[in-house]
Amino acid sequence: MLIVDVQPLNVDLLEQELEAAGYRTLAATDGEQALARAIERAPDLILLDVMMPGIDGYETCRRLKAAEATRAIPVIFLTALKETFDKVRAFEIGAVDYVTKPFETAELLARVGTHVALRREIAAHQRSKATIRGLVEQQRHDAGVLVGDSAALSRVRGLIAQVAATDSTVLIAGETGTGKELVARAVHEQSARRDRALVTLNCAALPGALVESELFGHEKGAFTGAHQQRRGRFELADGGSLFLDEVGELPLEAQAKLLRALQEREFERVGGTRALRVDVRVIAATNRDLRAEVAAGRFRADLYFRLSVFPITLPPLRERRGDIPQLVRHVVARVARRLGRQADHVSPAFIAWACAYDWPGNVRELENAVERALILSSGGLLEAVDGLAASPIENRADPQMPSAIASLQVVEQTHIRRALDATGWTIEGDNGAARLLGLNASTLRGRMRKYGIRKPTGRESR
């Protein structure tokens, strides 16, 4: 506590009472000395006399509040003045409280204790805000990290930088697990909308009957079970960005309504009659060939052209093998933090194995492999290649696999069947086919429906 009073007896008395209560004190006898001590020692609180020679308490307080170094220090006035005007003036120039002379010890200590505790709470809140701000910035940094120095990835980074500054619709294409959501987040975080929400919707994970409600919301009573009004993803993303993952899975009816929302920038909730206008930047992603889907009549041509204003195609991991060592180390560090495991080094054998493998599930499969390797490894060295090589999805010749000239759909269908056979047709869970393939369970079920893959009679699946 900094005690500022022209009367030595008052200073002695205040020092005794405050020190008995556990506070440390220092003193000043005029305003100039008080300003110097405040800057030099940064006290937690100042008890300031009003009537002093030279600059009085009011001017001293005004100067304290004008200086960056002392602005946050709470000031309690010590005053023998009785007029309300004088007390109001104290608050107007920045004091937090006042104690009337002659003071009661209990009152003085209560007021001092209250403001010291309040300042500590404010300081703790500021530290928390700084921590949260740091975590948000780290998340934003991670969201925009595309690891690798290959020419293909550099082209993707360049496209992201070009389109992020606009509000144009972006269509991200690429195989499953290549990092399409990561690119969507990078576009959002580099845009002027970065301080607003990025709302995501996995179109493949929704039953057809719920797609419209998820996109546009519904009014109370719009259908059975609609017990209250609900805002859709477009409303939630107002002012920000909406990421439509697996957009190729949308049913045709929902495609028509999405097209209208993109063209008119307005929509109606299910069961509603009022048009709602929103400011949303749409980023869509697909692992399908939408041009082929358009030709087959499964995707609207007008919606395709509306979505593909600015296309970005992600290369599969096997086409940028030079990025794999750097990517492995990045994923190891991130997964190790999440698991609370130590991973100081990655063995050359693991790097060599990772570079030789084709990664049909791309980066997502690599992340799963790293997690398994971390669990199997010990001593801070990631080297559990043998446990990973035992995976039923291996990079070796197999007479049951289609030839190199087989269509991509045939290759994918065969690959999915092998994964299902290897897992006993279990789809979900740590030992399920979805985890093995690096897919969401809902995405795998969508592929199975697309290819007409059904479990053999007598098999169990979840």
Protein backbone atom coordinates (compact mmCIF):
# COMPACT_ATOMS: atom_id res chain seq x y z
CA MET A 1 0.00 0.00 0.00
CA LEU A 2 1.23 3.51 -0.83
CA ILE A 3 0.10 5.92 1.91
CA VAL A 4 0.11 9.59 0.87
CA ASP A 5 -0.54 12.06 3.71
CA VAL A 6 1.07 15.29 4.90
CA GLN A 7 0.59 14.37 8.57
CA PRO A 8 3.30 11.97 9.89
CA LEU A 9 0.97 10.81 12.67
CA ASN A 10 -1.65 9.75 10.12
CA VAL A 11 1.00 7.88 8.14
CA ASP A 12 2.25 6.07 11.29
CA LEU A 13 -1.27 5.08 12.30
CA LEU A 14 -2.15 3.79 8.82
CA GLU A 15 1.11 1.88 8.60
CA GLN A 16 0.47 0.16 11.94
CA GLU A 17 -3.11 -0.85 11.05
CA LEU A 18 -2.27 -2.05 7.55
CA GLU A 19 0.88 -3.93 8.53
CA ALA A 20 -1.00 -5.61 11.39
CA ALA A 21 -3.50 -6.78 8.76
CA GLY A 22 -0.69 -8.31 6.69
CA TYR A 23 -0.03 -5.55 4.14
CA ARG A 24 3.35 -4.04 3.28
CA THR A 25 3.46 -0.23 3.14
CA LEU A 26 5.44 2.67 1.79
CA ALA A 27 4.77 6.38 2.31
CA ALA A 28 4.85 9.75 0.57
CA THR A 29 4.19 13.21 2.05
CA ASP A 30 3.11 15.13 -1.07
CA GLY A 31 1.76 14.65 -4.55
CA GLU A 32 5.04 14.83 -6.46
CA GLN A 33 6.64 12.24 -4.19
CA ALA A 34 3.54 10.04 -4.51
CA LEU A 35 3.77 10.07 -8.33
CA ALA A 36 7.46 9.12 -8.23
CA ARG A 37 6.90 6.30 -5.71
CA ALA A 38 3.92 4.96 -7.68
CA ILE A 39 5.96 4.70 -10.89
CA GLU A 40 8.98 3.24 -9.09
CA ARG A 41 7.24 0.64 -6.90
CA ALA A 42 3.88 -0.04 -8.63
CA PRO A 43 1.82 -0.48 -5.42
CA ASP A 44 -1.35 -2.54 -5.38
CA LEU A 45 -3.39 0.32 -3.95
CA ILE A 46 -2.93 4.02 -3.03
CA LEU A 47 -4.44 5.75 -0.01
CA LEU A 48 -4.38 9.43 -1.03
CA ASP A 49 -4.93 12.52 1.12
CA VAL A 50 -6.90 15.33 -0.52
CA MET A 51 -5.49 18.48 1.09
CA MET A 52 -1.75 18.65 0.39
CA PRO A 53 0.72 21.45 -0.45
CA GLY A 54 1.82 21.78 -4.06
CA ILE A 55 -0.42 19.55 -6.15
CA ASP A 56 -3.43 18.39 -4.13
CA GLY A 57 -4.95 14.92 -4.04
CA TYR A 58 -7.31 15.58 -6.96
CA GLU A 59 -4.49 16.65 -9.30
CA THR A 60 -2.30 13.78 -8.08
CA CYS A 61 -5.06 11.29 -8.87
CA ARG A 62 -5.66 12.88 -12.30
CA ARG A 63 -1.95 12.47 -13.16
CA LEU A 64 -1.92 8.88 -11.89
CA LYS A 65 -4.84 8.01 -14.15
CA ALA A 66 -3.31 9.80 -17.13
CA ALA A 67 -0.09 7.74 -17.01
CA GLU A 68 -0.06 4.27 -18.58
CA ALA A 69 2.20 2.87 -15.84
CA THR A 70 -0.10 3.88 -12.94
CA ARG A 71 -3.55 4.03 -14.55
CA ALA A 72 -4.72 0.65 -13.24
CA ILE A 73 -3.72 1.25 -9.58
CA PRO A 74 -6.87 1.79 -7.49
CA VAL A 75 -6.97 5.03 -5.49
CA ILE A 76 -8.89 5.49 -2.23
CA PHE A 77 -9.18 9.10 -1.04
CA LEU A 78 -8.58 10.03 2.58
CA THR A 79 -10.65 13.13 3.21
CA ALA A 80 -12.01 15.22 6.05
CA LEU A 81 -14.33 16.98 3.57
CA LYS A 82 -18.02 16.35 4.15
CA GLU A 83 -19.53 17.86 1.01
CA THR A 84 -21.04 15.47 -1.52
CA PHE A 85 -19.55 17.62 -4.29
CA ASP A 86 -16.02 16.79 -3.14
CA LYS A 87 -16.75 13.06 -2.96
CA VAL A 88 -18.35 13.00 -6.42
CA ARG A 89 -15.35 14.88 -7.81
CA ALA A 90 -13.09 12.12 -6.48
CA PHE A 91 -14.98 9.48 -8.47
CA GLU A 92 -15.05 11.63 -11.61
CA ILE A 93 -11.24 11.76 -11.77
CA GLY A 94 -10.82 8.01 -11.28
CA ALA A 95 -10.85 7.16 -7.55
CA VAL A 96 -12.54 3.88 -6.61
CA ASP A 97 -13.57 4.82 -3.07
CA TYR A 98 -13.05 7.25 -0.20
CA VAL A 99 -12.61 7.00 3.59
CA THR A 100 -13.67 9.92 5.79
CA LYS A 101 -11.26 11.18 8.44
CA PRO A 102 -11.11 10.41 11.27
CA PHE A 103 -11.46 6.86 9.95
CA GLU A 104 -12.68 3.70 11.65
CA THR A 105 -10.09 0.92 11.40
CA ALA A 106 -12.67 -1.76 10.54
CA GLU A 107 -14.14 0.36 7.74
CA LEU A 108 -10.72 1.21 6.35
CA LEU A 109 -9.56 -2.41 6.29
CA ALA A 110 -12.86 -3.55 4.76
CA ARG A 111 -12.60 -1.04 1.91
CA VAL A 112 -8.91 -1.79 1.31
CA GLY A 113 -9.53 -5.54 1.35
CA THR A 114 -12.42 -5.24 -1.11
CA HIS A 115 -10.43 -3.28 -3.68
CA VAL A 116 -7.29 -5.41 -3.33
CA ALA A 117 -9.39 -8.55 -3.90
CA LEU A 118 -11.11 -6.90 -6.87
CA ARG A 119 -7.79 -5.96 -8.43
CA ARG A 120 -6.55 -9.52 -8.05
CA GLU A 121 -9.70 -10.80 -9.75
CA ILE A 122 -9.21 -8.32 -12.60
CA ALA A 123 -5.57 -9.39 -12.99
CA ALA A 124 -6.58 -13.07 -13.00
CA HIS A 125 -9.27 -12.32 -15.60
CA GLN A 126 -6.74 -10.51 -17.80
CA ARG A 127 -4.34 -13.47 -17.55
CA SER A 128 -7.17 -15.81 -18.50
CA LYS A 129 -8.09 -13.61 -21.45
CA ALA A 130 -4.47 -13.58 -22.57
CA THR A 131 -4.33 -17.37 -22.28
CA ILE A 132 -7.57 -17.79 -24.23
CA ARG A 133 -6.36 -15.31 -26.83
CA GLY A 134 -3.16 -17.31 -27.18
CA LEU A 135 -5.07 -20.57 -27.56
CA VAL A 136 -7.38 -19.02 -30.16
CA GLU A 137 -4.41 -17.70 -32.11
CA GLN A 138 -2.71 -21.12 -31.87
CA GLN A 139 -5.90 -22.78 -33.11
CA ARG A 140 -6.10 -20.28 -35.95
CA HIS A 141 -2.48 -20.98 -36.79
CA ASP A 142 -3.07 -24.74 -36.70
CA ALA A 143 -6.22 -24.30 -38.77
CA GLY A 144 -4.21 -22.66 -41.52
CA VAL A 145 -1.24 -25.05 -41.44
CA LEU A 146 -0.73 -27.06 -44.61
CA VAL A 147 2.43 -29.00 -43.87
CA GLY A 148 4.83 -29.55 -46.74
CA ASP A 149 6.95 -27.73 -49.30
CA SER A 150 5.96 -29.60 -52.45
CA ALA A 151 5.05 -27.67 -55.59
CA ALA A 152 1.51 -29.10 -55.48
CA LEU A 153 0.92 -27.85 -51.94
CA SER A 154 2.49 -24.48 -52.73
CA ARG A 155 -0.04 -24.07 -55.54
CA VAL A 156 -2.86 -24.81 -53.09
CA ARG A 157 -1.50 -22.21 -50.65
CA GLY A 158 -1.35 -19.67 -53.44
CA LEU A 159 -4.97 -20.34 -54.43
CA ILE A 160 -6.10 -20.01 -50.80
CA ALA A 161 -4.36 -16.64 -50.47
CA GLN A 162 -5.94 -15.41 -53.71
CA VAL A 163 -9.53 -16.38 -52.90
CA ALA A 164 -9.53 -15.69 -49.15
CA ALA A 165 -9.63 -11.94 -49.69
CA THR A 166 -12.89 -12.26 -51.65
CA ASP A 167 -16.37 -13.53 -50.80
CA SER A 168 -16.44 -15.93 -53.76
CA THR A 169 -17.80 -19.44 -53.33
CA VAL A 170 -15.06 -22.08 -53.14
CA LEU A 171 -15.30 -25.74 -54.15
CA ILE A 172 -12.59 -27.97 -52.67
CA ALA A 173 -12.12 -31.32 -54.39
CA GLY A 174 -9.93 -34.20 -53.36
CA GLU A 175 -9.84 -37.75 -52.10
CA THR A 176 -11.03 -38.63 -48.63
CA GLY A 177 -8.55 -37.60 -45.96
CA THR A 178 -6.58 -35.08 -48.03
CA GLY A 179 -7.45 -32.19 -45.71
CA LYS A 180 -10.38 -30.46 -47.38
CA GLU A 181 -11.71 -29.13 -44.07
CA LEU A 182 -8.24 -27.80 -43.28
CA VAL A 183 -8.27 -25.83 -46.52
CA ALA A 184 -11.77 -24.52 -45.76
CA ARG A 185 -10.58 -23.30 -42.35
CA ALA A 186 -7.51 -21.70 -43.94
CA VAL A 187 -9.72 -19.81 -46.42
CA HIS A 188 -11.94 -18.62 -43.56
CA GLU A 189 -9.08 -17.65 -41.24
CA GLN A 190 -7.31 -15.64 -43.95
CA SER A 191 -10.51 -13.79 -44.87
CA ALA A 192 -12.13 -10.66 -43.45
CA ARG A 193 -14.69 -12.99 -41.82
CA ARG A 194 -12.13 -14.60 -39.51
CA ASP A 195 -13.69 -13.06 -36.38
CA ARG A 196 -17.10 -14.54 -37.18
CA ALA A 197 -18.18 -18.18 -37.11
CA LEU A 198 -17.12 -20.93 -39.49
CA VAL A 199 -20.15 -23.25 -39.37
CA THR A 200 -19.74 -26.77 -40.75
CA LEU A 201 -22.25 -29.31 -42.03
CA ASN A 202 -21.41 -32.83 -43.17
CA CYS A 203 -24.04 -33.43 -45.85
CA ALA A 204 -23.35 -37.19 -45.93
CA ALA A 205 -24.11 -37.61 -42.23
CA LEU A 206 -27.74 -36.46 -42.46
CA PRO A 207 -30.86 -38.41 -43.40
CA GLY A 208 -32.46 -36.86 -46.48
CA ALA A 209 -35.52 -35.71 -44.53
CA LEU A 210 -33.42 -33.57 -42.18
CA VAL A 211 -31.10 -31.87 -44.67
CA GLU A 212 -33.41 -28.92 -45.35
CA SER A 213 -34.04 -28.33 -41.65
CA GLU A 214 -30.31 -28.45 -40.88
CA LEU A 215 -29.53 -25.99 -43.66
CA PHE A 216 -32.35 -23.51 -43.20
CA GLY A 217 -33.93 -24.26 -39.80
CA HIS A 218 -37.62 -24.82 -39.08
CA GLU A 219 -40.56 -23.16 -37.39
CA LYS A 220 -42.33 -24.60 -34.38
CA GLY A 221 -44.85 -27.22 -35.52
CA ALA A 222 -43.38 -27.48 -39.03
CA PHE A 223 -43.34 -31.28 -38.72
CA THR A 224 -43.76 -33.96 -36.09
CA GLY A 225 -41.20 -33.38 -33.37
CA ALA A 226 -40.61 -29.70 -34.19
CA HIS A 227 -41.49 -28.50 -30.70
CA GLN A 228 -39.72 -25.17 -31.03
CA GLN A 229 -38.25 -22.85 -33.62
CA ARG A 230 -34.73 -23.82 -34.70
CA ARG A 231 -32.16 -21.81 -36.62
CA GLY A 232 -30.36 -23.56 -39.46
CA ARG A 233 -26.71 -23.48 -40.44
CA PHE A 234 -27.20 -20.56 -42.83
CA GLU A 235 -28.52 -18.36 -40.01
CA LEU A 236 -25.81 -19.49 -37.61
CA ALA A 237 -23.15 -18.58 -40.19
CA ASP A 238 -24.53 -15.09 -40.87
CA GLY A 239 -21.55 -12.76 -41.27
CA GLY A 240 -19.17 -15.71 -41.40
CA SER A 241 -18.59 -18.80 -43.53
CA LEU A 242 -20.54 -22.03 -44.08
CA PHE A 243 -18.56 -25.17 -44.91
CA LEU A 244 -20.62 -27.84 -46.67
CA ASP A 245 -18.59 -31.04 -46.50
CA GLU A 246 -19.48 -33.94 -48.82
CA VAL A 247 -21.78 -31.62 -50.78
CA GLY A 248 -22.10 -34.26 -53.49
CA GLU A 249 -24.21 -36.33 -51.11
CA LEU A 250 -27.08 -33.80 -51.03
CA PRO A 251 -30.40 -35.12 -52.38
CA LEU A 252 -31.72 -33.36 -55.48
CA GLU A 253 -34.55 -31.58 -53.65
CA ALA A 254 -32.12 -30.06 -51.16
CA GLN A 255 -29.81 -29.10 -54.04
CA ALA A 256 -32.59 -26.97 -55.56
CA LYS A 257 -33.17 -25.08 -52.30
CA LEU A 258 -29.45 -24.62 -51.73
CA LEU A 259 -29.14 -23.15 -55.23
CA ARG A 260 -31.88 -20.61 -54.48
CA ALA A 261 -30.19 -19.62 -51.20
CA LEU A 262 -26.90 -19.07 -53.05
CA GLN A 263 -28.48 -17.10 -55.87
CA GLU A 264 -30.89 -14.96 -53.89
CA ARG A 265 -28.98 -14.88 -50.57
CA GLU A 266 -32.28 -15.57 -48.83
CA PHE A 267 -34.30 -18.59 -47.73
CA GLU A 268 -37.29 -19.64 -45.65
CA ARG A 269 -37.26 -21.89 -42.63
CA VAL A 270 -39.13 -25.18 -43.04
CA GLY A 271 -42.77 -24.37 -42.30
CA GLY A 272 -42.10 -20.63 -42.51
CA THR A 273 -43.42 -17.96 -44.87
CA ARG A 274 -40.96 -15.12 -44.20
CA ALA A 275 -37.83 -14.79 -46.34
CA LEU A 276 -34.65 -14.42 -44.30
CA ARG A 277 -31.59 -12.70 -45.72
CA VAL A 278 -28.08 -13.61 -44.63
CA ASP A 279 -24.50 -12.68 -45.49
CA VAL A 280 -22.71 -16.02 -45.76
CA ARG A 281 -19.65 -17.13 -47.67
CA VAL A 282 -20.12 -20.77 -48.77
CA ILE A 283 -17.19 -23.17 -49.00
CA ALA A 284 -18.07 -26.65 -50.28
CA ALA A 285 -16.04 -29.85 -50.46
CA THR A 286 -16.44 -33.17 -52.23
CA ASN A 287 -14.50 -36.33 -52.97
CA ARG A 288 -16.78 -37.11 -55.89
CA ASP A 289 -16.29 -36.09 -59.51
CA LEU A 290 -19.20 -33.64 -59.62
CA ARG A 291 -18.99 -33.30 -63.39
CA ALA A 292 -19.58 -37.03 -63.68
CA GLU A 293 -22.38 -36.73 -61.13
CA VAL A 294 -23.96 -33.99 -63.26
CA ALA A 295 -23.68 -36.17 -66.37
CA ALA A 296 -25.33 -39.03 -64.48
CA GLY A 297 -28.21 -36.79 -63.35
CA ARG A 298 -27.34 -37.08 -59.66
CA PHE A 299 -26.18 -33.46 -59.23
CA ARG A 300 -27.66 -30.28 -60.63
CA ALA A 301 -25.53 -28.61 -63.28
CA ASP A 302 -26.63 -25.11 -62.21
CA LEU A 303 -25.65 -25.81 -58.60
CA TYR A 304 -22.31 -27.23 -59.71
CA PHE A 305 -21.48 -24.05 -61.64
CA ARG A 306 -22.66 -21.90 -58.72
CA LEU A 307 -20.41 -23.80 -56.27
CA SER A 308 -17.33 -24.06 -58.48
CA VAL A 309 -16.72 -20.35 -58.89
CA PHE A 310 -13.23 -20.94 -57.50
CA PRO A 311 -12.18 -24.61 -57.48
CA ILE A 312 -9.26 -25.91 -55.42
CA THR A 313 -8.10 -29.49 -55.96
CA LEU A 314 -6.04 -31.16 -53.25
CA PRO A 315 -3.37 -33.66 -54.30
CA PRO A 316 -3.41 -37.07 -52.63
CA LEU A 317 -0.55 -37.79 -50.26
CA ARG A 318 1.02 -40.35 -52.61
CA GLU A 319 1.56 -37.53 -55.14
CA ARG A 320 3.55 -35.42 -52.68
CA ARG A 321 5.75 -38.01 -51.01
CA GLY A 322 8.45 -35.43 -50.38
CA ASP A 323 6.15 -33.82 -47.80
CA ILE A 324 5.71 -37.04 -45.81
CA PRO A 325 8.75 -36.76 -43.44
CA GLN A 326 7.81 -33.21 -42.43
CA LEU A 327 4.14 -34.16 -42.16
CA VAL A 328 4.92 -37.19 -39.99
CA ARG A 329 6.90 -35.07 -37.51
CA HIS A 330 4.14 -32.46 -37.41
CA VAL A 331 1.44 -35.08 -36.78
CA VAL A 332 3.59 -36.88 -34.18
CA ALA A 333 4.01 -33.67 -32.15
CA ARG A 334 0.30 -32.84 -32.30
CA VAL A 335 -0.99 -36.34 -31.52
CA ALA A 336 1.59 -36.80 -28.73
CA ARG A 337 0.30 -33.63 -27.03
CA ARG A 338 -3.26 -34.90 -27.26
CA LEU A 339 -2.35 -38.33 -25.89
CA GLY A 340 -0.02 -36.97 -23.24
CA ARG A 341 2.77 -39.18 -24.62
CA GLN A 342 6.44 -38.41 -25.07
CA ALA A 343 7.71 -38.48 -28.65
CA ASP A 344 11.16 -36.94 -28.95
CA HIS A 345 12.33 -38.73 -32.10
CA VAL A 346 10.93 -40.54 -35.12
CA SER A 347 13.02 -43.47 -36.29
CA PRO A 348 14.40 -43.52 -39.86
CA ALA A 349 12.63 -46.86 -40.33
CA PHE A 350 9.25 -45.28 -39.60
CA ILE A 351 9.95 -42.40 -42.00
CA ALA A 352 11.08 -44.82 -44.73
CA TRP A 353 7.98 -46.97 -44.24
CA ALA A 354 5.72 -43.90 -44.34
CA CYS A 355 7.35 -42.64 -47.54
CA ALA A 356 6.97 -46.03 -49.26
CA TYR A 357 3.31 -46.52 -48.31
CA ASP A 358 0.61 -45.30 -50.72
CA TRP A 359 -1.75 -43.92 -48.03
CA PRO A 360 -5.13 -44.63 -49.66
CA GLY A 361 -6.74 -42.80 -46.73
CA ASN A 362 -4.29 -39.91 -47.16
CA VAL A 363 -3.45 -37.61 -44.22
CA ARG A 364 -6.29 -38.94 -42.07
CA GLU A 365 -4.94 -42.48 -42.39
CA LEU A 366 -1.45 -41.20 -41.58
CA GLU A 367 -2.78 -39.57 -38.40
CA ASN A 368 -4.40 -42.86 -37.37
CA ALA A 369 -1.16 -44.75 -38.08
CA VAL A 370 0.85 -42.28 -36.02
CA GLU A 371 -1.57 -42.63 -33.12
CA ARG A 372 -1.27 -46.43 -33.21
CA ALA A 373 2.52 -46.14 -33.42
CA LEU A 374 2.64 -43.79 -30.42
CA ILE A 375 0.58 -46.24 -28.38
CA LEU A 376 2.89 -49.12 -29.36
CA SER A 377 6.14 -47.21 -28.92
CA SER A 378 8.01 -46.39 -25.72
CA GLY A 379 10.96 -44.34 -24.56
CA GLY A 380 10.11 -41.30 -26.65
CA LEU A 381 11.17 -42.96 -29.94
CA LEU A 382 8.52 -43.57 -32.58
CA GLU A 383 9.56 -46.78 -34.34
CA ALA A 384 6.64 -49.24 -34.18
CA VAL A 385 6.63 -50.06 -37.89
CA ASP A 386 6.06 -53.78 -37.40
CA GLY A 387 2.76 -53.26 -35.62
CA LEU A 388 1.57 -50.99 -38.40
CA ALA A 389 2.70 -53.23 -41.24
CA ALA A 390 0.41 -55.91 -39.86
CA SER A 391 -2.57 -53.77 -40.89
CA PRO A 392 -4.87 -55.60 -43.32
CA ILE A 393 -4.63 -52.62 -45.68
CA GLU A 394 -1.06 -52.97 -46.94
CA ASN A 395 0.91 -51.57 -49.80
CA ARG A 396 1.78 -54.79 -51.57
CA ALA A 397 0.70 -56.69 -54.65
CA ASP A 398 -2.54 -58.62 -54.24
CA PRO A 399 -4.09 -60.82 -56.93
CA GLN A 400 -7.55 -59.91 -55.63
CA MET A 401 -7.00 -56.21 -56.29
CA PRO A 402 -8.13 -54.83 -59.65
CA SER A 403 -5.52 -54.14 -62.28
CA ALA A 404 -3.98 -50.74 -62.76
CA ILE A 405 -6.40 -49.97 -65.59
CA ALA A 406 -9.51 -50.64 -63.49
CA SER A 407 -11.77 -47.64 -62.83
CA LEU A 408 -11.35 -45.66 -59.63
CA GLN A 409 -14.83 -46.68 -58.51
CA VAL A 410 -13.95 -50.39 -58.88
CA VAL A 411 -10.72 -49.86 -56.93
CA GLU A 412 -12.57 -48.00 -54.16
CA GLN A 413 -15.34 -50.60 -53.98
CA THR A 414 -12.83 -53.45 -53.72
CA HIS A 415 -10.80 -51.55 -51.14
CA ILE A 416 -13.88 -50.99 -48.97
CA ARG A 417 -14.86 -54.68 -49.19
CA ARG A 418 -11.37 -55.74 -48.10
CA ALA A 419 -11.49 -53.41 -45.12
CA LEU A 420 -14.94 -54.72 -44.12
CA ASP A 421 -13.81 -58.33 -44.45
CA ALA A 422 -10.72 -57.60 -42.36
CA THR A 423 -12.80 -56.10 -39.55
CA GLY A 424 -15.58 -58.67 -39.58
CA TRP A 425 -17.90 -56.09 -41.16
CA THR A 426 -17.68 -53.88 -38.10
CA ILE A 427 -18.07 -50.28 -39.27
CA GLU A 428 -17.65 -48.12 -36.15
CA GLY A 429 -15.23 -48.13 -33.22
CA ASP A 430 -11.48 -48.33 -32.84
CA ASN A 431 -11.32 -51.65 -34.69
CA GLY A 432 -13.93 -50.78 -37.28
CA ALA A 433 -13.51 -50.42 -41.02
CA ALA A 434 -14.23 -46.68 -40.95
CA ARG A 435 -11.29 -46.07 -38.60
CA LEU A 436 -9.06 -48.33 -40.70
CA LEU A 437 -9.94 -46.47 -43.90
CA GLY A 438 -9.64 -43.05 -42.27
CA LEU A 439 -13.32 -42.26 -42.87
CA ASN A 440 -16.22 -41.13 -40.75
CA ALA A 441 -18.67 -43.99 -40.15
CA SER A 442 -21.43 -42.02 -41.89
CA THR A 443 -19.19 -41.46 -44.92
CA LEU A 444 -18.39 -45.17 -45.14
CA ARG A 445 -22.09 -46.05 -44.98
CA GLY A 446 -22.69 -43.55 -47.79
CA ARG A 447 -20.04 -45.30 -49.92
CA MET A 448 -21.60 -48.67 -49.16
CA ARG A 449 -25.01 -47.41 -50.28
CA LYS A 450 -23.46 -45.87 -53.40
CA TYR A 451 -21.81 -49.16 -54.43
CA GLY A 452 -24.57 -51.43 -53.15
CA ILE A 453 -22.22 -53.11 -50.67
CA ARG A 454 -24.14 -55.22 -48.15
CA LYS A 455 -22.88 -57.54 -45.45
CA PRO A 456 -23.01 -61.25 -46.30
CA THR A 457 -25.75 -63.24 -44.59
CA GLY A 458 -24.77 -64.31 -41.08
CA ARG A 459 -22.23 -61.53 -40.55
CA GLU A 460 -22.61 -58.87 -37.86
CA SER A 461 -21.95 -55.18 -38.32
CA ARG A 462 -22.43 -52.03 -36.32
